[in-house]
Each structure stands twice: as C-alpha cells, then as structure tokens.
C-alpha atoms as a PDB file:
ATOM      1  CA  MET A   1      25.660   2.988 -16.492  1.00  0.00           C
ATOM      2  CA  THR A   2      25.432   6.756 -16.955  1.00  0.00           C
ATOM      3  CA  ILE A   3      26.158   7.418 -13.298  1.00  0.00           C
ATOM      4  CA  ALA A   4      29.822   6.553 -13.718  1.00  0.00           C
ATOM      5  CA  LYS A   5      30.206   9.192 -16.469  1.00  0.00           C
ATOM      6  CA  ASP A   6      28.651  11.990 -14.411  1.00  0.00           C
ATOM      7  CA  HIS A   7      31.259  14.039 -12.587  1.00  0.00           C
ATOM      8  CA  HIS A   8      28.702  15.742 -10.326  1.00  0.00           C
ATOM      9  CA  VAL A   9      28.306  14.702  -6.704  1.00  0.00           C
ATOM     10  CA  PRO A  10      25.214  12.455  -6.476  1.00  0.00           C
ATOM     11  CA  ARG A  11      22.552  13.008  -3.842  1.00  0.00           C
ATOM     12  CA  PHE A  12      20.196  10.195  -2.930  1.00  0.00           C
ATOM     13  CA  LYS A  13      16.578  10.671  -1.880  1.00  0.00           C
ATOM     14  CA  GLN A  14      14.184   7.936  -0.757  1.00  0.00           C
ATOM     15  CA  THR A  15      10.761   8.372  -2.390  1.00  0.00           C
ATOM     16  CA  ASN A  16       7.416   7.183  -1.082  1.00  0.00           C
ATOM     17  CA  ALA A  17       7.307   4.393  -3.678  1.00  0.00           C
ATOM     18  CA  GLY A  18      10.529   2.897  -2.302  1.00  0.00           C
ATOM     19  CA  LYS A  19      12.638   3.904  -5.298  1.00  0.00           C
ATOM     20  CA  ILE A  20      15.885   5.804  -4.917  1.00  0.00           C
ATOM     21  CA  LYS A  21      15.960   9.087  -6.812  1.00  0.00           C
ATOM     22  CA  ILE A  22      19.406  10.498  -7.571  1.00  0.00           C
ATOM     23  CA  LYS A  23      19.941  14.277  -7.576  1.00  0.00           C
ATOM     24  CA  THR A  24      23.185  15.856  -8.738  1.00  0.00           C
ATOM     25  CA  TRP A  25      24.768  19.256  -8.172  1.00  0.00           C
ATOM     26  CA  GLY A  26      24.615  20.927 -11.563  1.00  0.00           C
ATOM     27  CA  LYS A  27      26.136  24.201 -12.691  1.00  0.00           C
ATOM     28  CA  ARG A  28      23.009  26.154 -11.734  1.00  0.00           C
ATOM     29  CA  GLN A  29      23.002  24.830  -8.147  1.00  0.00           C
ATOM     30  CA  VAL A  30      26.718  25.555  -7.765  1.00  0.00           C
ATOM     31  CA  VAL A  31      26.325  29.129  -9.031  1.00  0.00           C
ATOM     32  CA  MET A  32      23.336  29.798  -6.751  1.00  0.00           C
ATOM     33  CA  PHE A  33      25.086  28.356  -3.691  1.00  0.00           C
ATOM     34  CA  THR A  34      28.260  30.317  -4.417  1.00  0.00           C
ATOM     35  CA  THR A  35      26.282  33.550  -4.917  1.00  0.00           C
ATOM     36  CA  PHE A  36      24.346  33.199  -1.660  1.00  0.00           C
ATOM     37  CA  LEU A  37      27.513  32.276   0.229  1.00  0.00           C
ATOM     38  CA  ALA A  38      29.365  35.304  -1.163  1.00  0.00           C
ATOM     39  CA  LEU A  39      26.477  37.626  -0.244  1.00  0.00           C
ATOM     40  CA  PHE A  40      26.360  36.176   3.265  1.00  0.00           C
ATOM     41  CA  LEU A  41      30.107  36.615   3.765  1.00  0.00           C
ATOM     42  CA  LEU A  42      29.982  40.186   2.411  1.00  0.00           C
ATOM     43  CA  THR A  43      27.125  40.998   4.786  1.00  0.00           C
ATOM     44  CA  VAL A  44      29.042  39.663   7.771  1.00  0.00           C
ATOM     45  CA  TYR A  45      32.165  41.541   6.648  1.00  0.00           C
ATOM     46  CA  GLY A  46      30.158  44.745   6.290  1.00  0.00           C
ATOM     47  CA  PHE A  47      28.765  44.494   9.827  1.00  0.00           C
ATOM     48  CA  LEU A  48      32.223  43.807  11.256  1.00  0.00           C
ATOM     49  CA  THR A  49      34.027  46.615   9.403  1.00  0.00           C
ATOM     50  CA  PHE A  50      31.323  49.296   9.497  1.00  0.00           C
ATOM     51  CA  ASP A  51      32.325  52.535  11.226  1.00  0.00           C
ATOM     52  CA  TYR A  52      29.761  52.893  14.009  1.00  0.00           C
ATOM     53  CA  LYS A  53      31.430  56.099  15.348  1.00  0.00           C
ATOM     54  CA  GLY A  54      31.191  54.997  18.961  1.00  0.00           C
ATOM     55  CA  ILE A  55      27.436  54.385  18.913  1.00  0.00           C
ATOM     56  CA  SER A  56      26.157  52.403  21.859  1.00  0.00           C
ATOM     57  CA  PHE A  57      23.868  49.622  20.674  1.00  0.00           C
ATOM     58  CA  VAL A  58      22.031  49.503  23.987  1.00  0.00           C
ATOM     59  CA  GLN A  59      21.333  53.235  23.885  1.00  0.00           C
ATOM     60  CA  ALA A  60      20.377  53.078  20.204  1.00  0.00           C
ATOM     61  CA  VAL A  61      17.859  50.295  20.824  1.00  0.00           C
ATOM     62  CA  THR A  62      16.434  52.178  23.813  1.00  0.00           C
ATOM     63  CA  ASP A  63      16.034  55.393  21.825  1.00  0.00           C
ATOM     64  CA  THR A  64      14.453  53.516  18.917  1.00  0.00           C
ATOM     65  CA  ILE A  65      11.874  51.893  21.174  1.00  0.00           C
ATOM     66  CA  TYR A  66      11.077  55.272  22.717  1.00  0.00           C
ATOM     67  CA  ASN A  67      10.687  56.935  19.294  1.00  0.00           C
ATOM     68  CA  VAL A  68       8.402  54.145  18.081  1.00  0.00           C
ATOM     69  CA  LYS A  69       6.302  54.435  21.238  1.00  0.00           C
ATOM     70  CA  VAL A  70       5.914  58.204  20.820  1.00  0.00           C
ATOM     71  CA  MET A  71       5.245  57.912  17.092  1.00  0.00           C
ATOM     72  CA  PHE A  72       2.620  55.191  17.085  1.00  0.00           C
ATOM     73  CA  PHE A  73       1.115  55.350  20.580  1.00  0.00           C
ATOM     74  CA  GLN A  74       0.931  59.141  20.972  1.00  0.00           C
ATOM     75  CA  PRO A  75      -0.103  60.475  17.525  1.00  0.00           C
ATOM     76  CA  ALA A  76      -1.153  64.110  17.390  1.00  0.00           C
ATOM     77  CA  MET A  77      -1.524  67.082  15.038  1.00  0.00           C
ATOM     78  CA  SER A  78       0.670  70.100  15.670  1.00  0.00           C
ATOM     79  CA  HIS A  79       1.143  72.115  12.471  1.00  0.00           C
ATOM     80  CA  PHE A  80      -2.149  71.561  10.600  1.00  0.00           C
ATOM     81  CA  THR A  81      -5.793  70.871  11.314  1.00  0.00           C
ATOM     82  CA  PHE A  82      -7.682  67.696  10.506  1.00  0.00           C
ATOM     83  CA  GLY A  83      -9.449  69.421   7.616  1.00  0.00           C
ATOM     84  CA  GLU A  84      -6.132  70.527   6.152  1.00  0.00           C
ATOM     85  CA  ALA A  85      -4.830  66.964   6.505  1.00  0.00           C
ATOM     86  CA  LEU A  86      -7.809  65.602   4.582  1.00  0.00           C
ATOM     87  CA  GLY A  87      -7.217  68.220   1.894  1.00  0.00           C
ATOM     88  CA  GLN A  88      -3.610  67.108   1.522  1.00  0.00           C
ATOM     89  CA  VAL A  89      -4.745  63.476   1.323  1.00  0.00           C
ATOM     90  CA  GLY A  90      -7.150  64.533  -1.429  1.00  0.00           C
ATOM     91  CA  VAL A  91      -4.239  66.036  -3.389  1.00  0.00           C
ATOM     92  CA  THR A  92      -2.313  62.777  -3.098  1.00  0.00           C
ATOM     93  CA  ILE A  93      -5.352  60.742  -4.160  1.00  0.00           C
ATOM     94  CA  GLY A  94      -5.847  63.065  -7.119  1.00  0.00           C
ATOM     95  CA  LEU A  95      -2.273  62.485  -8.281  1.00  0.00           C
ATOM     96  CA  GLY A  96      -2.801  58.736  -8.123  1.00  0.00           C
ATOM     97  CA  ILE A  97      -6.183  58.824  -9.895  1.00  0.00           C
ATOM     98  CA  LEU A  98      -5.034  61.054 -12.765  1.00  0.00           C
ATOM     99  CA  SER A  99      -1.871  59.071 -13.451  1.00  0.00           C
ATOM    100  CA  THR A 100      -3.787  55.782 -13.305  1.00  0.00           C
ATOM    101  CA  ILE A 101      -6.648  56.856 -15.589  1.00  0.00           C
ATOM    102  CA  ILE A 102      -4.384  58.411 -18.216  1.00  0.00           C
ATOM    103  CA  GLY A 103      -1.999  55.461 -18.061  1.00  0.00           C
ATOM    104  CA  ALA A 104      -4.817  52.909 -18.304  1.00  0.00           C
ATOM    105  CA  ILE A 105      -6.365  54.534 -21.388  1.00  0.00           C
ATOM    106  CA  ILE A 106      -3.047  54.727 -23.247  1.00  0.00           C
ATOM    107  CA  SER A 107      -2.030  51.257 -22.097  1.00  0.00           C
ATOM    108  CA  LEU A 108      -5.236  49.669 -23.362  1.00  0.00           C
ATOM    109  CA  PHE A 109      -4.520  50.704 -26.945  1.00  0.00           C
ATOM    110  CA  LEU A 110      -0.813  49.875 -26.769  1.00  0.00           C
ATOM    111  CA  ALA A 111      -1.498  46.468 -25.213  1.00  0.00           C
ATOM    112  CA  LEU A 112      -3.688  45.494 -28.173  1.00  0.00           C
ATOM    113  CA  PHE A 113      -0.647  45.890 -30.425  1.00  0.00           C
ATOM    114  CA  ALA A 114       1.744  44.377 -27.856  1.00  0.00           C
ATOM    115  CA  ALA A 115      -0.232  41.126 -27.569  1.00  0.00           C
ATOM    116  CA  LYS A 116       1.316  38.491 -29.823  1.00  0.00           C
ATOM    117  CA  ASN A 117      -2.037  36.962 -30.766  1.00  0.00           C
ATOM    118  CA  LEU A 118      -3.498  40.288 -31.903  1.00  0.00           C
ATOM    119  CA  SER A 119      -0.566  41.969 -33.624  1.00  0.00           C
ATOM    120  CA  SER A 120       2.406  41.231 -35.812  1.00  0.00           C
ATOM    121  CA  LYS A 121       5.567  39.895 -34.262  1.00  0.00           C
ATOM    122  CA  THR A 122       7.594  42.961 -35.243  1.00  0.00           C
ATOM    123  CA  VAL A 123       5.205  45.490 -33.712  1.00  0.00           C
ATOM    124  CA  SER A 124       4.714  43.390 -30.591  1.00  0.00           C
ATOM    125  CA  SER A 125       8.449  42.927 -30.029  1.00  0.00           C
ATOM    126  CA  ALA A 126       9.150  46.645 -30.547  1.00  0.00           C
ATOM    127  CA  ILE A 127       6.530  47.701 -27.993  1.00  0.00           C
ATOM    128  CA  ILE A 128       7.692  45.093 -25.471  1.00  0.00           C
ATOM    129  CA  ILE A 129      11.320  46.257 -25.766  1.00  0.00           C
ATOM    130  CA  VAL A 130      10.357  49.892 -25.182  1.00  0.00           C
ATOM    131  CA  ILE A 131       8.102  49.218 -22.190  1.00  0.00           C
ATOM    132  CA  THR A 132      10.706  46.898 -20.673  1.00  0.00           C
ATOM    133  CA  PHE A 133      13.227  49.734 -20.747  1.00  0.00           C
ATOM    134  CA  ILE A 134      10.709  52.184 -19.261  1.00  0.00           C
ATOM    135  CA  ARG A 135       9.683  49.730 -16.545  1.00  0.00           C
ATOM    136  CA  ALA A 136      13.317  49.057 -15.618  1.00  0.00           C
ATOM    137  CA  VAL A 137      13.780  52.707 -14.608  1.00  0.00           C
ATOM    138  CA  PRO A 138      12.269  53.472 -11.164  1.00  0.00           C
ATOM    139  CA  THR A 139       9.270  55.775 -10.976  1.00  0.00           C
ATOM    140  CA  VAL A 140      11.114  58.303  -8.832  1.00  0.00           C
ATOM    141  CA  LEU A 141      13.773  58.693 -11.523  1.00  0.00           C
ATOM    142  CA  TRP A 142      11.162  59.341 -14.213  1.00  0.00           C
ATOM    143  CA  VAL A 143       9.522  61.938 -11.970  1.00  0.00           C
ATOM    144  CA  LEU A 144      12.856  63.678 -11.403  1.00  0.00           C
ATOM    145  CA  ILE A 145      13.619  63.596 -15.140  1.00  0.00           C
ATOM    146  CA  PHE A 146      10.300  65.236 -15.979  1.00  0.00           C
ATOM    147  CA  ALA A 147      10.752  67.636 -13.059  1.00  0.00           C
ATOM    148  CA  ILE A 148      13.843  68.957 -14.836  1.00  0.00           C
ATOM    149  CA  ALA A 149      11.956  69.246 -18.125  1.00  0.00           C
ATOM    150  CA  ALA A 150       8.602  70.545 -16.841  1.00  0.00           C
ATOM    151  CA  GLY A 151       9.654  72.032 -13.512  1.00  0.00           C
ATOM    152  CA  LEU A 152       8.810  70.996  -9.979  1.00  0.00           C
ATOM    153  CA  GLY A 153       5.140  70.485  -9.266  1.00  0.00           C
ATOM    154  CA  SER A 154       2.196  68.200  -9.839  1.00  0.00           C
ATOM    155  CA  GLU A 155       2.722  68.137 -13.638  1.00  0.00           C
ATOM    156  CA  ALA A 156       6.079  66.375 -13.326  1.00  0.00           C
ATOM    157  CA  VAL A 157       4.669  63.891 -10.810  1.00  0.00           C
ATOM    158  CA  ILE A 158       1.663  63.005 -12.987  1.00  0.00           C
ATOM    159  CA  ILE A 159       3.755  62.654 -16.160  1.00  0.00           C
ATOM    160  CA  GLY A 160       6.419  60.548 -14.454  1.00  0.00           C
ATOM    161  CA  MET A 161       3.927  58.277 -12.712  1.00  0.00           C
ATOM    162  CA  THR A 162       1.873  57.946 -15.898  1.00  0.00           C
ATOM    163  CA  PHE A 163       4.982  57.029 -17.869  1.00  0.00           C
ATOM    164  CA  HIS A 164       5.814  54.165 -15.533  1.00  0.00           C
ATOM    165  CA  SER A 165       2.141  53.148 -15.198  1.00  0.00           C
ATOM    166  CA  ILE A 166       1.911  52.726 -18.979  1.00  0.00           C
ATOM    167  CA  ALA A 167       4.916  50.398 -18.993  1.00  0.00           C
ATOM    168  CA  PHE A 168       3.416  48.338 -16.165  1.00  0.00           C
ATOM    169  CA  LEU A 169      -0.137  48.169 -17.499  1.00  0.00           C
ATOM    170  CA  VAL A 170       0.846  47.424 -21.101  1.00  0.00           C
ATOM    171  CA  LYS A 171       2.640  44.304 -19.931  1.00  0.00           C
ATOM    172  CA  ALA A 172      -0.255  43.281 -17.669  1.00  0.00           C
ATOM    173  CA  TYR A 173      -2.969  43.970 -20.252  1.00  0.00           C
ATOM    174  CA  SER A 174      -1.108  42.282 -23.115  1.00  0.00           C
ATOM    175  CA  GLU A 175      -0.526  39.142 -21.045  1.00  0.00           C
ATOM    176  CA  ALA A 176      -4.247  39.059 -20.236  1.00  0.00           C
ATOM    177  CA  PHE A 177      -5.051  39.336 -23.960  1.00  0.00           C
ATOM    178  CA  GLU A 178      -2.607  36.539 -24.797  1.00  0.00           C
ATOM    179  CA  GLU A 179      -4.382  34.158 -22.399  1.00  0.00           C
ATOM    180  CA  ILE A 180      -7.496  34.149 -24.606  1.00  0.00           C
ATOM    181  CA  ASP A 181      -8.174  30.816 -26.275  1.00  0.00           C
ATOM    182  CA  GLU A 182      -6.670  30.918 -29.752  1.00  0.00           C
ATOM    183  CA  GLY A 183      -9.497  28.731 -31.028  1.00  0.00           C
ATOM    184  CA  VAL A 184     -12.023  31.468 -30.267  1.00  0.00           C
ATOM    185  CA  LEU A 185     -10.026  34.026 -32.237  1.00  0.00           C
ATOM    186  CA  GLU A 186      -9.586  31.656 -35.165  1.00  0.00           C
ATOM    187  CA  ALA A 187     -13.311  30.920 -35.189  1.00  0.00           C
ATOM    188  CA  LEU A 188     -14.109  34.637 -35.325  1.00  0.00           C
ATOM    189  CA  ARG A 189     -11.605  35.202 -38.130  1.00  0.00           C
ATOM    190  CA  ALA A 190     -13.060  32.276 -40.053  1.00  0.00           C
ATOM    191  CA  GLY A 191     -16.533  33.789 -39.624  1.00  0.00           C
ATOM    192  CA  GLY A 192     -15.419  37.000 -41.317  1.00  0.00           C
ATOM    193  CA  ALA A 193     -14.843  39.177 -38.234  1.00  0.00           C
ATOM    194  CA  ASN A 194     -12.208  41.852 -38.683  1.00  0.00           C
ATOM    195  CA  TRP A 195      -9.597  42.887 -36.118  1.00  0.00           C
ATOM    196  CA  TRP A 196     -11.745  45.583 -34.522  1.00  0.00           C
ATOM    197  CA  HIS A 197     -14.747  43.263 -34.155  1.00  0.00           C
ATOM    198  CA  ILE A 198     -12.547  40.638 -32.510  1.00  0.00           C
ATOM    199  CA  VAL A 199     -11.231  43.208 -30.032  1.00  0.00           C
ATOM    200  CA  THR A 200     -14.615  44.698 -29.115  1.00  0.00           C
ATOM    201  CA  HIS A 201     -16.666  41.492 -29.065  1.00  0.00           C
ATOM    202  CA  ALA A 202     -14.201  38.902 -27.746  1.00  0.00           C
ATOM    203  CA  VAL A 203     -10.971  40.324 -26.345  1.00  0.00           C
ATOM    204  CA  ILE A 204     -12.225  43.179 -24.173  1.00  0.00           C
ATOM    205  CA  PRO A 205     -15.365  41.444 -22.760  1.00  0.00           C
ATOM    206  CA  SER A 206     -13.475  38.264 -21.824  1.00  0.00           C
ATOM    207  CA  THR A 207     -10.619  40.104 -20.094  1.00  0.00           C
ATOM    208  CA  THR A 208     -12.523  42.908 -18.355  1.00  0.00           C
ATOM    209  CA  SER A 209     -12.107  41.401 -14.895  1.00  0.00           C
ATOM    210  CA  SER A 210      -8.335  41.064 -15.351  1.00  0.00           C
ATOM    211  CA  LEU A 211      -8.036  44.604 -16.713  1.00  0.00           C
ATOM    212  CA  LEU A 212     -10.012  45.942 -13.763  1.00  0.00           C
ATOM    213  CA  SER A 213      -7.884  44.059 -11.243  1.00  0.00           C
ATOM    214  CA  TRP A 214      -4.618  45.241 -12.759  1.00  0.00           C
ATOM    215  CA  THR A 215      -5.883  48.835 -12.930  1.00  0.00           C
ATOM    216  CA  PHE A 216      -6.867  48.862  -9.257  1.00  0.00           C
ATOM    217  CA  LEU A 217      -3.534  47.319  -8.340  1.00  0.00           C
ATOM    218  CA  ARG A 218      -1.701  50.047 -10.220  1.00  0.00           C
ATOM    219  CA  PHE A 219      -3.828  52.741  -8.594  1.00  0.00           C
ATOM    220  CA  GLU A 220      -2.862  51.465  -5.137  1.00  0.00           C
ATOM    221  CA  THR A 221       0.776  51.563  -6.214  1.00  0.00           C
ATOM    222  CA  ASN A 222       0.409  55.077  -7.620  1.00  0.00           C
ATOM    223  CA  PHE A 223      -1.168  56.298  -4.396  1.00  0.00           C
ATOM    224  CA  THR A 224       1.791  55.105  -2.330  1.00  0.00           C
ATOM    225  CA  VAL A 225       4.230  56.500  -4.890  1.00  0.00           C
ATOM    226  CA  ALA A 226       2.388  59.832  -4.862  1.00  0.00           C
ATOM    227  CA  VAL A 227       2.996  60.075  -1.112  1.00  0.00           C
ATOM    228  CA  ALA A 228       6.743  60.034  -1.697  1.00  0.00           C
ATOM    229  CA  MET A 229       6.740  61.986  -4.962  1.00  0.00           C
ATOM    230  CA  GLY A 230       4.628  64.774  -3.494  1.00  0.00           C
ATOM    231  CA  ALA A 231       7.579  65.617  -1.291  1.00  0.00           C
ATOM    232  CA  ALA A 232      10.416  64.798  -3.714  1.00  0.00           C
ATOM    233  CA  ALA A 233       9.039  66.789  -6.650  1.00  0.00           C
ATOM    234  CA  GLY A 234       7.264  69.533  -4.746  1.00  0.00           C
ATOM    235  CA  ALA A 235       3.745  68.469  -5.722  1.00  0.00           C
ATOM    236  CA  GLY A 236       2.398  68.826  -2.197  1.00  0.00           C
ATOM    237  CA  GLY A 237      -0.017  66.375  -0.685  1.00  0.00           C
ATOM    238  CA  ILE A 238       0.245  64.406   2.520  1.00  0.00           C
ATOM    239  CA  GLY A 239       3.749  63.267   1.546  1.00  0.00           C
ATOM    240  CA  PHE A 240       4.994  66.843   1.795  1.00  0.00           C
ATOM    241  CA  GLU A 241       3.507  67.158   5.278  1.00  0.00           C
ATOM    242  CA  LEU A 242       5.206  63.901   6.251  1.00  0.00           C
ATOM    243  CA  LEU A 243       8.536  65.249   4.998  1.00  0.00           C
ATOM    244  CA  MET A 244       8.120  68.458   6.961  1.00  0.00           C
ATOM    245  CA  ALA A 245       7.101  66.643  10.146  1.00  0.00           C
ATOM    246  CA  SER A 246       9.976  64.161   9.994  1.00  0.00           C
ATOM    247  CA  ASN A 247      12.854  66.335   8.726  1.00  0.00           C
ATOM    248  CA  PHE A 248      11.970  69.955   9.389  1.00  0.00           C
ATOM    249  CA  TYR A 249       9.890  69.900  12.578  1.00  0.00           C
ATOM    250  CA  PHE A 250      11.086  66.483  13.813  1.00  0.00           C
ATOM    251  CA  ASP A 251       7.667  65.988  15.349  1.00  0.00           C
ATOM    252  CA  LEU A 252       7.347  62.261  15.979  1.00  0.00           C
ATOM    253  CA  ARG A 253       3.735  62.529  17.105  1.00  0.00           C
ATOM    254  CA  GLU A 254       2.754  64.223  13.853  1.00  0.00           C
ATOM    255  CA  VAL A 255       4.674  61.605  11.860  1.00  0.00           C
ATOM    256  CA  GLY A 256       2.660  58.928  13.628  1.00  0.00           C
ATOM    257  CA  PHE A 257      -0.625  60.690  12.892  1.00  0.00           C
ATOM    258  CA  ILE A 258       0.207  61.052   9.179  1.00  0.00           C
ATOM    259  CA  THR A 259       1.319  57.417   9.010  1.00  0.00           C
ATOM    260  CA  TYR A 260      -1.976  56.247  10.500  1.00  0.00           C
ATOM    261  CA  LEU A 261      -3.898  58.513   8.125  1.00  0.00           C
ATOM    262  CA  ILE A 262      -2.113  57.081   5.078  1.00  0.00           C
ATOM    263  CA  LEU A 263      -2.666  53.558   6.378  1.00  0.00           C
ATOM    264  CA  ILE A 264      -6.391  54.151   6.870  1.00  0.00           C
ATOM    265  CA  VAL A 265      -6.756  55.572   3.364  1.00  0.00           C
ATOM    266  CA  ALA A 266      -4.823  52.640   1.854  1.00  0.00           C
ATOM    267  CA  ILE A 267      -7.032  50.111   3.691  1.00  0.00           C
ATOM    268  CA  ALA A 268     -10.170  51.997   2.605  1.00  0.00           C
ATOM    269  CA  PHE A 269      -9.087  51.831  -1.035  1.00  0.00           C
ATOM    270  CA  GLU A 270      -8.340  48.128  -0.703  1.00  0.00           C
ATOM    271  CA  LEU A 271     -11.826  47.459   0.708  1.00  0.00           C
ATOM    272  CA  LEU A 272     -13.419  49.663  -1.943  1.00  0.00           C
ATOM    273  CA  SER A 273     -11.598  47.921  -4.786  1.00  0.00           C
ATOM    274  CA  THR A 274     -12.590  44.520  -3.402  1.00  0.00           C
ATOM    275  CA  GLN A 275     -16.267  45.481  -3.219  1.00  0.00           C
ATOM    276  CA  LEU A 276     -16.255  47.003  -6.693  1.00  0.00           C
ATOM    277  CA  LYS A 277     -14.604  43.944  -8.212  1.00  0.00           C
ATOM    278  CA  LYS A 278     -17.110  41.652  -6.487  1.00  0.00           C
ATOM    279  CA  ARG A 279     -20.059  43.707  -7.701  1.00  0.00           C
ATOM    280  CA  PHE A 280     -18.593  44.017 -11.192  1.00  0.00           C
ATOM    281  CA  LEU A 281     -17.851  40.305 -11.477  1.00  0.00           C
ATOM    282  CA  SER A 282     -21.317  39.378 -10.211  1.00  0.00           C
ATOM    283  CA  GLY A 283     -22.831  41.752 -12.752  1.00  0.00           C
ATOM    284  CA  THR A 284     -20.867  40.258 -15.639  1.00  0.00           C
ATOM    285  CA  SER A 285     -21.647  36.687 -14.572  1.00  0.00           C
ATOM    286  CA  MET A 286     -25.384  37.412 -14.481  1.00  0.00           C
ATOM    287  CA  SER A 287     -25.267  38.880 -17.954  1.00  0.00           C
END
C-alpha cells in the first residue's frame, strides 16, 4: 500500500458516499500553517511590547467615540462655502476623468499587442513584464516621482495616475481579448481577414462590455486616488480641503462634511456607471 510509504500525517474524512478520503499534510500546508502562526505570534508580541507612553485605553476609547460622534453626526462647513466645496469636488473628478481617458486610450492599443492570441510571444511577454513592474509600484509613488520631475501640481498627479492606470488596464484589456474563442479568430484568418480587420470586426465588438466595465472600475479607483493625491502632490481638489481640515484646522465637523460629500459622489458615480452599463449592454444585445 502507498500509505505506508507516505511520511505525512494522514487525516481521515468521511464522505457522503460512505468512503473514507485520506488527506495528508504536505509541504504547502506546513508552510502556510507556520507562516500564519509566526504572524500571529509576532502580532501578539508587538501588542505586548509596544510603548504606549502611559496612554489610558479607557480614555482613548472614550475620546475616539466622541470624535466619531462629532465627525459623523455633527458635520458642518467652517472654512469654505458649499459652492466652493462643489468646485473642489469638480477638480478631483477632473483629475480622475483625464487620467482614466488618457490611460484607456493608450492601454487599448498596448493591450492588442499584449494579448497572446493577437501578437507574437516576444512582444506580448515584453509588454507584460513592463506593465507588471509599473503595476507593482504604488500610484502614490509614481505621483511623487513625477512631482519631482514635473513639479508639484495637477500635471504630476495626472501623469502618475495615468501611468499606473495604463499598467492596470493593459492587463485587464489583454485578458479580455485572450478570452475570445480561438476558433473565431482562426475562421477569420482562414477567410482572408488581416490583423486589423480581426481587431475591428471581432475583438473590439465582442469585448466592448468588458472594456467598459474595467474602464469604469478604474475611473472609480482614480477618483479615490485623486482625493489623496490632490493633497500629497499639491493638485488641490477636495482632498486638499480634507487635509487642511484634519491637520491644519483640526475641524472634526468639517472632516465629517467632506467625508460625506466624497461618499455621496462615489455612490453617484457607482449608480451612474451601473445605469450606463445596463443601457449600453441592452443596446448591444438589440443590435
């Protein structure tokens, strides 16, 4: 029997059919268990050895509850009007829209060459390696890098966000292109269609819904990133007002108002994207 040769600890499990299924602890399970155990022990050690500088937990919890109550149950404007707040939100939305549109246009062309079923293996692998490196670097770091090169302001934010958006969308678009049935592409090639005809008549029309969904998803991400980057890179927007209210003025009521405003805008964009995708999909299905 092979069970006698296996040095792993067997685990028995009764199945519904009445048969006994044997599970063993392999190397992967041992490594995962050891990793989680080490992280748990390090977390406990960190809590026990952390220098709390005489902070009273009861007082800290009480103050936190009070701050949350003031922030979210008593929102108010103190240093700007409602019209000025909407203007700052418009700046943030503009940063997200520009970076998404520019990134989507560039990504569409790069994704055609990154898809393995539409391009050579060498070109596809080279593009994937580059975008993987770009995507591995956080957006905030790209923005700060371009802020050094181009100076603080909206230009650095748009370039940095666009750079990371391209890496994200190229991967998403290329994977959508690779899901196309290979038989359809082979049939078009056999019928004499060239590469450009295949892209315009088969690839793009059959993946439009996926491209639209990924683009809206990236826009929502860029909007939230623009809130933070507007303050970090000096591009303005509602993120800058949030930074001033929380760090400079320490106005909890204004922080709560800005938080609610950002939340309302994010929900509005989510509802808008859902309606547009429904209308677009219904239009394509009817055609």
